[in-house]
Amino acid sequence: MDVQKVDLFLLTKGNNFESIDLPYVREQLIKMDEEKWPRLQAMHFKNPMAMLIISLLAGPLGVDRFLIGDIGLGVGKLITCGGFGVWAIVDWFLIMQATRTKNIEMFNTL
């Protein structure tokens, strides 16, 4: 793939991945075929900061976990009201990492 497209992607979507994963993402993008570019642009990567805000506002209801695709954890969090508040507070520190992990998993499906 064209290096300019790779740089553009990393500038616009790089904050959705762990900084340690960025060299891997760059390498995979350079090796990627041009026909996969529209699929990559259509992928909706979750913003970790937005997930943190959602976790702060609706954490005990499990909305943050539902949005990143952890349905089982979301149901568990909803039923226990965020683990009686403890799970919700712990997720304030974990949800950004979980979001970035889900984003790299989604990227690897290309």
PDB file of N, CA and C in Angstrom:
ATOM      1  N   MET A   1       0.838  -1.173   0.000  1.00  0.00           N
ATOM      2  CA  MET A   1       0.000   0.000   0.000  1.00  0.00           C
ATOM      3  C   MET A   1       0.887   1.241   0.000  1.00  0.00           C
ATOM      4  N   ASP A   2       0.358   2.302  -0.513  1.00  0.00           N
ATOM      5  CA  ASP A   2       1.081   3.565  -0.601  1.00  0.00           C
ATOM      6  C   ASP A   2       1.427   4.080   0.798  1.00  0.00           C
ATOM      7  N   VAL A   3       2.651   4.538   0.962  1.00  0.00           N
ATOM      8  CA  VAL A   3       3.138   5.005   2.265  1.00  0.00           C
ATOM      9  C   VAL A   3       2.344   6.219   2.743  1.00  0.00           C
ATOM     10  N   GLN A   4       1.906   7.062   1.828  1.00  0.00           N
ATOM     11  CA  GLN A   4       1.112   8.229   2.226  1.00  0.00           C
ATOM     12  C   GLN A   4      -0.225   7.806   2.827  1.00  0.00           C
ATOM     13  N   LYS A   5      -0.845   6.784   2.255  1.00  0.00           N
ATOM     14  CA  LYS A   5      -2.106   6.279   2.809  1.00  0.00           C
ATOM     15  C   LYS A   5      -1.882   5.683   4.192  1.00  0.00           C
ATOM     16  N   VAL A   6      -0.777   4.977   4.341  1.00  0.00           N
ATOM     17  CA  VAL A   6      -0.445   4.382   5.637  1.00  0.00           C
ATOM     18  C   VAL A   6      -0.261   5.474   6.680  1.00  0.00           C
ATOM     19  N   ASP A   7       0.489   6.505   6.326  1.00  0.00           N
ATOM     20  CA  ASP A   7       0.710   7.612   7.263  1.00  0.00           C
ATOM     21  C   ASP A   7      -0.593   8.331   7.597  1.00  0.00           C
ATOM     22  N   LEU A   8      -1.451   8.512   6.599  1.00  0.00           N
ATOM     23  CA  LEU A   8      -2.745   9.147   6.834  1.00  0.00           C
ATOM     24  C   LEU A   8      -3.587   8.319   7.798  1.00  0.00           C
ATOM     25  N   PHE A   9      -3.607   7.004   7.583  1.00  0.00           N
ATOM     26  CA  PHE A   9      -4.365   6.130   8.476  1.00  0.00           C
ATOM     27  C   PHE A   9      -3.828   6.218   9.900  1.00  0.00           C
ATOM     28  N   LEU A  10      -2.517   6.171  10.045  1.00  0.00           N
ATOM     29  CA  LEU A  10      -1.924   6.219  11.383  1.00  0.00           C
ATOM     30  C   LEU A  10      -2.147   7.570  12.062  1.00  0.00           C
ATOM     31  N   LEU A  11      -2.181   8.638  11.292  1.00  0.00           N
ATOM     32  CA  LEU A  11      -2.458   9.952  11.878  1.00  0.00           C
ATOM     33  C   LEU A  11      -3.894  10.057  12.373  1.00  0.00           C
ATOM     34  N   THR A  12      -4.823   9.490  11.605  1.00  0.00           N
ATOM     35  CA  THR A  12      -6.231   9.628  11.972  1.00  0.00           C
ATOM     36  C   THR A  12      -6.704   8.564  12.952  1.00  0.00           C
ATOM     37  N   LYS A  13      -6.169   7.359  12.861  1.00  0.00           N
ATOM     38  CA  LYS A  13      -6.659   6.254  13.690  1.00  0.00           C
ATOM     39  C   LYS A  13      -5.630   5.714  14.672  1.00  0.00           C
ATOM     40  N   GLY A  14      -4.438   6.273  14.693  1.00  0.00           N
ATOM     41  CA  GLY A  14      -3.365   5.740  15.531  1.00  0.00           C
ATOM     42  C   GLY A  14      -3.656   5.766  17.012  1.00  0.00           C
ATOM     43  N   ASN A  15      -4.462   6.725  17.467  1.00  0.00           N
ATOM     44  CA  ASN A  15      -4.759   6.796  18.901  1.00  0.00           C
ATOM     45  C   ASN A  15      -5.703   5.688  19.358  1.00  0.00           C
ATOM     46  N   ASN A  16      -6.255   4.928  18.427  1.00  0.00           N
ATOM     47  CA  ASN A  16      -7.137   3.819  18.778  1.00  0.00           C
ATOM     48  C   ASN A  16      -6.371   2.532  19.067  1.00  0.00           C
ATOM     49  N   PHE A  17      -5.054   2.563  18.910  1.00  0.00           N
ATOM     50  CA  PHE A  17      -4.214   1.394  19.136  1.00  0.00           C
ATOM     51  C   PHE A  17      -3.173   1.709  20.205  1.00  0.00           C
ATOM     52  N   GLU A  18      -2.649   0.660  20.827  1.00  0.00           N
ATOM     53  CA  GLU A  18      -1.547   0.835  21.775  1.00  0.00           C
ATOM     54  C   GLU A  18      -0.328   1.337  21.008  1.00  0.00           C
ATOM     55  N   SER A  19       0.467   2.162  21.634  1.00  0.00           N
ATOM     56  CA  SER A  19       1.654   2.698  20.959  1.00  0.00           C
ATOM     57  C   SER A  19       2.639   1.593  20.599  1.00  0.00           C
ATOM     58  N   ILE A  20       2.639   0.522  21.375  1.00  0.00           N
ATOM     59  CA  ILE A  20       3.538  -0.594  21.075  1.00  0.00           C
ATOM     60  C   ILE A  20       3.078  -1.367  19.837  1.00  0.00           C
ATOM     61  N   ASP A  21       1.788  -1.270  19.484  1.00  0.00           N
ATOM     62  CA  ASP A  21       1.248  -1.961  18.315  1.00  0.00           C
ATOM     63  C   ASP A  21       1.394  -1.156  17.028  1.00  0.00           C
ATOM     64  N   LEU A  22       1.727   0.114  17.115  1.00  0.00           N
ATOM     65  CA  LEU A  22       1.780   0.960  15.924  1.00  0.00           C
ATOM     66  C   LEU A  22       2.808   0.501  14.885  1.00  0.00           C
ATOM     67  N   PRO A  23       4.026   0.070  15.269  1.00  0.00           N
ATOM     68  CA  PRO A  23       4.935  -0.452  14.236  1.00  0.00           C
ATOM     69  C   PRO A  23       4.372  -1.691  13.528  1.00  0.00           C
ATOM     70  N   TYR A  24       3.698  -2.550  14.278  1.00  0.00           N
ATOM     71  CA  TYR A  24       3.068  -3.733  13.677  1.00  0.00           C
ATOM     72  C   TYR A  24       1.974  -3.312  12.699  1.00  0.00           C
ATOM     73  N   VAL A  25       1.134  -2.366  13.104  1.00  0.00           N
ATOM     74  CA  VAL A  25       0.055  -1.889  12.241  1.00  0.00           C
ATOM     75  C   VAL A  25       0.639  -1.272  10.978  1.00  0.00           C
ATOM     76  N   ARG A  26       1.673  -0.477  11.122  1.00  0.00           N
ATOM     77  CA  ARG A  26       2.317   0.154   9.959  1.00  0.00           C
ATOM     78  C   ARG A  26       2.876  -0.895   9.001  1.00  0.00           C
ATOM     79  N   GLU A  27       3.540  -1.886   9.554  1.00  0.00           N
ATOM     80  CA  GLU A  27       4.113  -2.947   8.719  1.00  0.00           C
ATOM     81  C   GLU A  27       3.017  -3.702   7.964  1.00  0.00           C
ATOM     82  N   GLN A  28       1.931  -4.024   8.657  1.00  0.00           N
ATOM     83  CA  GLN A  28       0.834  -4.750   8.015  1.00  0.00           C
ATOM     84  C   GLN A  28       0.154  -3.903   6.941  1.00  0.00           C
ATOM     85  N   LEU A  29       0.032  -2.617   7.195  1.00  0.00           N
ATOM     86  CA  LEU A  29      -0.589  -1.734   6.208  1.00  0.00           C
ATOM     87  C   LEU A  29       0.269  -1.609   4.956  1.00  0.00           C
ATOM     88  N   ILE A  30       1.576  -1.536   5.116  1.00  0.00           N
ATOM     89  CA  ILE A  30       2.463  -1.434   3.954  1.00  0.00           C
ATOM     90  C   ILE A  30       2.384  -2.704   3.110  1.00  0.00           C
ATOM     91  N   LYS A  31       2.244  -3.860   3.765  1.00  0.00           N
ATOM     92  CA  LYS A  31       2.143  -5.133   3.040  1.00  0.00           C
ATOM     93  C   LYS A  31       0.761  -5.360   2.430  1.00  0.00           C
ATOM     94  N   MET A  32      -0.238  -4.631   2.894  1.00  0.00           N
ATOM     95  CA  MET A  32      -1.628  -4.863   2.507  1.00  0.00           C
ATOM     96  C   MET A  32      -1.879  -4.498   1.044  1.00  0.00           C
ATOM     97  N   ASP A  33      -2.776  -5.252   0.405  1.00  0.00           N
ATOM     98  CA  ASP A  33      -3.170  -4.967  -0.972  1.00  0.00           C
ATOM     99  C   ASP A  33      -4.031  -3.708  -1.020  1.00  0.00           C
ATOM    100  N   GLU A  34      -3.972  -3.018  -2.150  1.00  0.00           N
ATOM    101  CA  GLU A  34      -4.758  -1.788  -2.333  1.00  0.00           C
ATOM    102  C   GLU A  34      -6.260  -2.056  -2.280  1.00  0.00           C
ATOM    103  N   GLU A  35      -6.691  -3.250  -2.685  1.00  0.00           N
ATOM    104  CA  GLU A  35      -8.132  -3.537  -2.714  1.00  0.00           C
ATOM    105  C   GLU A  35      -8.735  -3.646  -1.312  1.00  0.00           C
ATOM    106  N   LYS A  36      -7.903  -3.802  -0.290  1.00  0.00           N
ATOM    107  CA  LYS A  36      -8.400  -3.860   1.088  1.00  0.00           C
ATOM    108  C   LYS A  36      -8.550  -2.476   1.717  1.00  0.00           C
ATOM    109  N   TRP A  37      -8.044  -1.446   1.055  1.00  0.00           N
ATOM    110  CA  TRP A  37      -8.106  -0.092   1.603  1.00  0.00           C
ATOM    111  C   TRP A  37      -9.546   0.368   1.883  1.00  0.00           C
ATOM    112  N   PRO A  38     -10.498   0.162   0.954  1.00  0.00           N
ATOM    113  CA  PRO A  38     -11.879   0.580   1.272  1.00  0.00           C
ATOM    114  C   PRO A  38     -12.455  -0.161   2.488  1.00  0.00           C
ATOM    115  N   ARG A  39     -12.137  -1.434   2.629  1.00  0.00           N
ATOM    116  CA  ARG A  39     -12.603  -2.186   3.809  1.00  0.00           C
ATOM    117  C   ARG A  39     -12.003  -1.626   5.082  1.00  0.00           C
ATOM    118  N   LEU A  40     -10.732  -1.257   5.020  1.00  0.00           N
ATOM    119  CA  LEU A  40     -10.067  -0.693   6.192  1.00  0.00           C
ATOM    120  C   LEU A  40     -10.680   0.653   6.567  1.00  0.00           C
ATOM    121  N   GLN A  41     -10.968   1.477   5.580  1.00  0.00           N
ATOM    122  CA  GLN A  41     -11.579   2.775   5.854  1.00  0.00           C
ATOM    123  C   GLN A  41     -12.986   2.625   6.423  1.00  0.00           C
ATOM    124  N   ALA A  42     -13.681   1.570   6.042  1.00  0.00           N
ATOM    125  CA  ALA A  42     -15.052   1.364   6.509  1.00  0.00           C
ATOM    126  C   ALA A  42     -15.108   0.791   7.922  1.00  0.00           C
ATOM    127  N   MET A  43     -13.994   0.263   8.412  1.00  0.00           N
ATOM    128  CA  MET A  43     -13.985  -0.296   9.767  1.00  0.00           C
ATOM    129  C   MET A  43     -14.156   0.819  10.787  1.00  0.00           C
ATOM    130  N   HIS A  44     -14.985   0.552  11.776  1.00  0.00           N
ATOM    131  CA  HIS A  44     -15.233   1.544  12.821  1.00  0.00           C
ATOM    132  C   HIS A  44     -14.467   1.137  14.072  1.00  0.00           C
ATOM    133  N   PHE A  45     -13.306   1.746  14.253  1.00  0.00           N
ATOM    134  CA  PHE A  45     -12.518   1.490  15.452  1.00  0.00           C
ATOM    135  C   PHE A  45     -13.059   2.352  16.584  1.00  0.00           C
ATOM    136  N   LYS A  46     -13.167   1.765  17.754  1.00  0.00           N
ATOM    137  CA  LYS A  46     -13.703   2.481  18.918  1.00  0.00           C
ATOM    138  C   LYS A  46     -12.641   3.411  19.498  1.00  0.00           C
ATOM    139  N   ASN A  47     -13.065   4.573  19.913  1.00  0.00           N
ATOM    140  CA  ASN A  47     -12.176   5.552  20.521  1.00  0.00           C
ATOM    141  C   ASN A  47     -12.046   5.240  22.012  1.00  0.00           C
ATOM    142  N   PRO A  48     -10.847   4.938  22.500  1.00  0.00           N
ATOM    143  CA  PRO A  48     -10.670   4.602  23.918  1.00  0.00           C
ATOM    144  C   PRO A  48     -11.100   5.716  24.872  1.00  0.00           C
ATOM    145  N   MET A  49     -10.896   6.964  24.500  1.00  0.00           N
ATOM    146  CA  MET A  49     -11.299   8.067  25.375  1.00  0.00           C
ATOM    147  C   MET A  49     -12.824   8.152  25.469  1.00  0.00           C
ATOM    148  N   ALA A  50     -13.502   7.927  24.358  1.00  0.00           N
ATOM    149  CA  ALA A  50     -14.968   7.921  24.381  1.00  0.00           C
ATOM    150  C   ALA A  50     -15.483   6.777  25.249  1.00  0.00           C
ATOM    151  N   MET A  51     -14.811   5.622  25.180  1.00  0.00           N
ATOM    152  CA  MET A  51     -15.222   4.491  26.017  1.00  0.00           C
ATOM    153  C   MET A  51     -15.007   4.797  27.494  1.00  0.00           C
ATOM    154  N   LEU A  52     -13.955   5.545  27.817  1.00  0.00           N
ATOM    155  CA  LEU A  52     -13.729   5.936  29.210  1.00  0.00           C
ATOM    156  C   LEU A  52     -14.849   6.854  29.694  1.00  0.00           C
ATOM    157  N   ILE A  53     -15.245   7.796  28.877  1.00  0.00           N
ATOM    158  CA  ILE A  53     -16.329   8.704  29.260  1.00  0.00           C
ATOM    159  C   ILE A  53     -17.631   7.934  29.438  1.00  0.00           C
ATOM    160  N   ILE A  54     -17.900   7.008  28.522  1.00  0.00           N
ATOM    161  CA  ILE A  54     -19.104   6.182  28.651  1.00  0.00           C
ATOM    162  C   ILE A  54     -19.024   5.334  29.909  1.00  0.00           C
ATOM    163  N   SER A  55     -17.849   4.817  30.215  1.00  0.00           N
ATOM    164  CA  SER A  55     -17.666   4.014  31.418  1.00  0.00           C
ATOM    165  C   SER A  55     -17.908   4.843  32.672  1.00  0.00           C
ATOM    166  N   LEU A  56     -17.469   6.086  32.662  1.00  0.00           N
ATOM    167  CA  LEU A  56     -17.694   6.962  33.812  1.00  0.00           C
ATOM    168  C   LEU A  56     -19.179   7.269  34.000  1.00  0.00           C
ATOM    169  N   LEU A  57     -19.897   7.434  32.894  1.00  0.00           N
ATOM    170  CA  LEU A  57     -21.300   7.830  32.970  1.00  0.00           C
ATOM    171  C   LEU A  57     -22.262   6.652  33.126  1.00  0.00           C
ATOM    172  N   ALA A  58     -21.986   5.563  32.423  1.00  0.00           N
ATOM    173  CA  ALA A  58     -22.924   4.436  32.418  1.00  0.00           C
ATOM    174  C   ALA A  58     -22.229   3.124  32.746  1.00  0.00           C
ATOM    175  N   GLY A  59     -21.136   3.199  33.483  1.00  0.00           N
ATOM    176  CA  GLY A  59     -20.363   2.009  33.816  1.00  0.00           C
ATOM    177  C   GLY A  59     -21.124   0.934  34.561  1.00  0.00           C
ATOM    178  N   PRO A  60     -21.875   1.268  35.601  1.00  0.00           N
ATOM    179  CA  PRO A  60     -22.585   0.218  36.341  1.00  0.00           C
ATOM    180  C   PRO A  60     -23.617  -0.534  35.504  1.00  0.00           C
ATOM    181  N   LEU A  61     -24.041   0.038  34.391  1.00  0.00           N
ATOM    182  CA  LEU A  61     -25.011  -0.633  33.529  1.00  0.00           C
ATOM    183  C   LEU A  61     -24.343  -1.524  32.484  1.00  0.00           C
ATOM    184  N   GLY A  62     -23.033  -1.489  32.397  1.00  0.00           N
ATOM    185  CA  GLY A  62     -22.309  -2.339  31.457  1.00  0.00           C
ATOM    186  C   GLY A  62     -22.304  -1.840  30.030  1.00  0.00           C
ATOM    187  N   VAL A  63     -22.744  -0.613  29.806  1.00  0.00           N
ATOM    188  CA  VAL A  63     -22.835  -0.069  28.450  1.00  0.00           C
ATOM    189  C   VAL A  63     -21.470  -0.062  27.772  1.00  0.00           C
ATOM    190  N   ASP A  64     -20.429   0.260  28.516  1.00  0.00           N
ATOM    191  CA  ASP A  64     -19.083   0.299  27.944  1.00  0.00           C
ATOM    192  C   ASP A  64     -18.670  -1.060  27.404  1.00  0.00           C
ATOM    193  N   ARG A  65     -18.951  -2.107  28.145  1.00  0.00           N
ATOM    194  CA  ARG A  65     -18.586  -3.459  27.705  1.00  0.00           C
ATOM    195  C   ARG A  65     -19.430  -3.914  26.517  1.00  0.00           C
ATOM    196  N   PHE A  66     -20.710  -3.545  26.512  1.00  0.00           N
ATOM    197  CA  PHE A  66     -21.544  -3.881  25.362  1.00  0.00           C
ATOM    198  C   PHE A  66     -21.004  -3.217  24.099  1.00  0.00           C
ATOM    199  N   LEU A  67     -20.588  -1.971  24.195  1.00  0.00           N
ATOM    200  CA  LEU A  67     -20.130  -1.224  23.024  1.00  0.00           C
ATOM    201  C   LEU A  67     -18.833  -1.765  22.433  1.00  0.00           C
ATOM    202  N   ILE A  68     -17.954  -2.319  23.256  1.00  0.00           N
ATOM    203  CA  ILE A  68     -16.716  -2.861  22.682  1.00  0.00           C
ATOM    204  C   ILE A  68     -16.862  -4.326  22.284  1.00  0.00           C
ATOM    205  N   GLY A  69     -18.038  -4.911  22.533  1.00  0.00           N
ATOM    206  CA  GLY A  69     -18.295  -6.271  22.081  1.00  0.00           C
ATOM    207  C   GLY A  69     -18.150  -7.340  23.136  1.00  0.00           C
ATOM    208  N   ASP A  70     -17.913  -6.969  24.376  1.00  0.00           N
ATOM    209  CA  ASP A  70     -17.843  -7.939  25.471  1.00  0.00           C
ATOM    210  C   ASP A  70     -19.246  -8.128  26.045  1.00  0.00           C
ATOM    211  N   ILE A  71     -20.064  -8.881  25.326  1.00  0.00           N
ATOM    212  CA  ILE A  71     -21.470  -9.035  25.699  1.00  0.00           C
ATOM    213  C   ILE A  71     -21.609  -9.749  27.038  1.00  0.00           C
ATOM    214  N   GLY A  72     -20.854 -10.807  27.242  1.00  0.00           N
ATOM    215  CA  GLY A  72     -20.933 -11.554  28.502  1.00  0.00           C
ATOM    216  C   GLY A  72     -20.568 -10.697  29.702  1.00  0.00           C
ATOM    217  N   LEU A  73     -19.484  -9.938  29.578  1.00  0.00           N
ATOM    218  CA  LEU A  73     -19.086  -9.051  30.671  1.00  0.00           C
ATOM    219  C   LEU A  73     -20.102  -7.929  30.866  1.00  0.00           C
ATOM    220  N   GLY A  74     -20.688  -7.467  29.775  1.00  0.00           N
ATOM    221  CA  GLY A  74     -21.704  -6.424  29.877  1.00  0.00           C
ATOM    222  C   GLY A  74     -22.936  -6.906  30.619  1.00  0.00           C
ATOM    223  N   VAL A  75     -23.364  -8.134  30.318  1.00  0.00           N
ATOM    224  CA  VAL A  75     -24.523  -8.705  31.014  1.00  0.00           C
ATOM    225  C   VAL A  75     -24.205  -8.903  32.487  1.00  0.00           C
ATOM    226  N   GLY A  76     -23.022  -9.430  32.778  1.00  0.00           N
ATOM    227  CA  GLY A  76     -22.621  -9.627  34.175  1.00  0.00           C
ATOM    228  C   GLY A  76     -22.561  -8.314  34.936  1.00  0.00           C
ATOM    229  N   LYS A  77     -22.059  -7.311  34.281  1.00  0.00           N
ATOM    230  CA  LYS A  77     -21.951  -5.996  34.914  1.00  0.00           C
ATOM    231  C   LYS A  77     -23.337  -5.383  35.128  1.00  0.00           C
ATOM    232  N   LEU A  78     -24.227  -5.603  34.175  1.00  0.00           N
ATOM    233  CA  LEU A  78     -25.586  -5.082  34.287  1.00  0.00           C
ATOM    234  C   LEU A  78     -26.349  -5.765  35.417  1.00  0.00           C
ATOM    235  N   ILE A  79     -26.240  -7.082  35.496  1.00  0.00           N
ATOM    236  CA  ILE A  79     -26.970  -7.840  36.518  1.00  0.00           C
ATOM    237  C   ILE A  79     -26.486  -7.492  37.922  1.00  0.00           C
ATOM    238  N   THR A  80     -25.182  -7.298  38.082  1.00  0.00           N
ATOM    239  CA  THR A  80     -24.633  -7.018  39.419  1.00  0.00           C
ATOM    240  C   THR A  80     -24.502  -5.522  39.700  1.00  0.00           C
ATOM    241  N   CYS A  81     -25.076  -4.692  38.818  1.00  0.00           N
ATOM    242  CA  CYS A  81     -24.959  -3.225  38.947  1.00  0.00           C
ATOM    243  C   CYS A  81     -23.494  -2.806  39.053  1.00  0.00           C
ATOM    244  N   GLY A  82     -22.719  -3.305  38.138  1.00  0.00           N
ATOM    245  CA  GLY A  82     -21.295  -2.950  38.108  1.00  0.00           C
ATOM    246  C   GLY A  82     -20.519  -3.600  39.221  1.00  0.00           C
ATOM    247  N   GLY A  83     -20.899  -4.843  39.565  1.00  0.00           N
ATOM    248  CA  GLY A  83     -20.203  -5.533  40.663  1.00  0.00           C
ATOM    249  C   GLY A  83     -20.341  -4.753  41.951  1.00  0.00           C
ATOM    250  N   PHE A  84     -21.573  -4.242  42.169  1.00  0.00           N
ATOM    251  CA  PHE A  84     -21.885  -3.427  43.351  1.00  0.00           C
ATOM    252  C   PHE A  84     -20.983  -2.197  43.421  1.00  0.00           C
ATOM    253  N   GLY A  85     -20.641  -1.682  42.247  1.00  0.00           N
ATOM    254  CA  GLY A  85     -19.844  -0.462  42.160  1.00  0.00           C
ATOM    255  C   GLY A  85     -18.356  -0.697  42.026  1.00  0.00           C
ATOM    256  N   VAL A  86     -17.883  -1.818  42.539  1.00  0.00           N
ATOM    257  CA  VAL A  86     -16.439  -2.089  42.504  1.00  0.00           C
ATOM    258  C   VAL A  86     -15.973  -2.342  41.074  1.00  0.00           C
ATOM    259  N   TRP A  87     -16.709  -3.186  40.351  1.00  0.00           N
ATOM    260  CA  TRP A  87     -16.348  -3.523  38.978  1.00  0.00           C
ATOM    261  C   TRP A  87     -16.362  -2.269  38.103  1.00  0.00           C
ATOM    262  N   ALA A  88     -17.347  -1.416  38.327  1.00  0.00           N
ATOM    263  CA  ALA A  88     -17.442  -0.182  37.542  1.00  0.00           C
ATOM    264  C   ALA A  88     -16.213   0.695  37.764  1.00  0.00           C
ATOM    265  N   ILE A  89     -15.768   0.797  39.006  1.00  0.00           N
ATOM    266  CA  ILE A  89     -14.586   1.618  39.306  1.00  0.00           C
ATOM    267  C   ILE A  89     -13.323   0.998  38.712  1.00  0.00           C
ATOM    268  N   VAL A  90     -13.193  -0.311  38.802  1.00  0.00           N
ATOM    269  CA  VAL A  90     -12.033  -0.992  38.218  1.00  0.00           C
ATOM    270  C   VAL A  90     -12.014  -0.791  36.705  1.00  0.00           C
ATOM    271  N   ASP A  91     -13.185  -0.831  36.083  1.00  0.00           N
ATOM    272  CA  ASP A  91     -13.261  -0.650  34.634  1.00  0.00           C
ATOM    273  C   ASP A  91     -12.853   0.752  34.191  1.00  0.00           C
ATOM    274  N   TRP A  92     -12.935   1.732  35.066  1.00  0.00           N
ATOM    275  CA  TRP A  92     -12.467   3.065  34.699  1.00  0.00           C
ATOM    276  C   TRP A  92     -10.990   3.022  34.322  1.00  0.00           C
ATOM    277  N   PHE A  93     -10.259   2.092  34.920  1.00  0.00           N
ATOM    278  CA  PHE A  93      -8.825   1.974  34.648  1.00  0.00           C
ATOM    279  C   PHE A  93      -8.521   0.960  33.544  1.00  0.00           C
ATOM    280  N   LEU A  94      -9.447   0.043  33.270  1.00  0.00           N
ATOM    281  CA  LEU A  94      -9.193  -1.035  32.321  1.00  0.00           C
ATOM    282  C   LEU A  94      -9.842  -0.846  30.955  1.00  0.00           C
ATOM    283  N   ILE A  95     -10.858  -0.014  30.852  1.00  0.00           N
ATOM    284  CA  ILE A  95     -11.655   0.031  29.630  1.00  0.00           C
ATOM    285  C   ILE A  95     -10.871   0.568  28.433  1.00  0.00           C
ATOM    286  N   MET A  96      -9.954   1.488  28.638  1.00  0.00           N
ATOM    287  CA  MET A  96      -9.185   2.016  27.507  1.00  0.00           C
ATOM    288  C   MET A  96      -8.275   0.936  26.917  1.00  0.00           C
ATOM    289  N   GLN A  97      -7.637   0.154  27.770  1.00  0.00           N
ATOM    290  CA  GLN A  97      -6.792  -0.948  27.297  1.00  0.00           C
ATOM    291  C   GLN A  97      -7.643  -1.998  26.587  1.00  0.00           C
ATOM    292  N   ALA A  98      -8.807  -2.317  27.153  1.00  0.00           N
ATOM    293  CA  ALA A  98      -9.694  -3.305  26.533  1.00  0.00           C
ATOM    294  C   ALA A  98     -10.166  -2.820  25.163  1.00  0.00           C
ATOM    295  N   THR A  99     -10.438  -1.544  25.037  1.00  0.00           N
ATOM    296  CA  THR A  99     -10.872  -0.981  23.755  1.00  0.00           C
ATOM    297  C   THR A  99      -9.758  -1.077  22.721  1.00  0.00           C
ATOM    298  N   ARG A 100      -8.555  -0.739  23.112  1.00  0.00           N
ATOM    299  CA  ARG A 100      -7.427  -0.827  22.174  1.00  0.00           C
ATOM    300  C   ARG A 100      -7.154  -2.279  21.774  1.00  0.00           C
ATOM    301  N   THR A 101      -7.320  -3.199  22.698  1.00  0.00           N
ATOM    302  CA  THR A 101      -7.145  -4.618  22.385  1.00  0.00           C
ATOM    303  C   THR A 101      -8.190  -5.077  21.375  1.00  0.00           C
ATOM    304  N   LYS A 102      -9.427  -4.666  21.562  1.00  0.00           N
ATOM    305  CA  LYS A 102     -10.490  -5.016  20.606  1.00  0.00           C
ATOM    306  C   LYS A 102     -10.211  -4.396  19.239  1.00  0.00           C
ATOM    307  N   ASN A 103      -9.667  -3.189  19.222  1.00  0.00           N
ATOM    308  CA  ASN A 103      -9.349  -2.537  17.948  1.00  0.00           C
ATOM    309  C   ASN A 103      -8.268  -3.298  17.188  1.00  0.00           C
ATOM    310  N   ILE A 104      -7.238  -3.760  17.878  1.00  0.00           N
ATOM    311  CA  ILE A 104      -6.178  -4.502  17.182  1.00  0.00           C
ATOM    312  C   ILE A 104      -6.698  -5.861  16.716  1.00  0.00           C
ATOM    313  N   GLU A 105      -7.601  -6.463  17.482  1.00  0.00           N
ATOM    314  CA  GLU A 105      -8.226  -7.714  17.043  1.00  0.00           C
ATOM    315  C   GLU A 105      -9.046  -7.481  15.779  1.00  0.00           C
ATOM    316  N   MET A 106      -9.785  -6.376  15.729  1.00  0.00           N
ATOM    317  CA  MET A 106     -10.573  -6.046  14.549  1.00  0.00           C
ATOM    318  C   MET A 106      -9.655  -5.777  13.357  1.00  0.00           C
ATOM    319  N   PHE A 107      -8.548  -5.098  13.589  1.00  0.00           N
ATOM    320  CA  PHE A 107      -7.586  -4.822  12.523  1.00  0.00           C
ATOM    321  C   PHE A 107      -7.021  -6.122  11.962  1.00  0.00           C
ATOM    322  N   ASN A 108      -6.773  -7.094  12.821  1.00  0.00           N
ATOM    323  CA  ASN A 108      -6.186  -8.361  12.384  1.00  0.00           C
ATOM    324  C   ASN A 108      -7.147  -9.207  11.564  1.00  0.00           C
ATOM    325  N   THR A 109      -8.441  -8.880  11.550  1.00  0.00           N
ATOM    326  CA  THR A 109      -9.388  -9.645  10.738  1.00  0.00           C
ATOM    327  C   THR A 109      -9.307  -9.292   9.260  1.00  0.00           C
ATOM    328  N   LEU A 110      -8.584  -8.233   8.922  1.00  0.00           N
ATOM    329  CA  LEU A 110      -8.464  -7.846   7.508  1.00  0.00           C
ATOM    330  C   LEU A 110      -7.753  -8.890   6.707  1.00  0.00           C
TER     331      LEU A 110
END
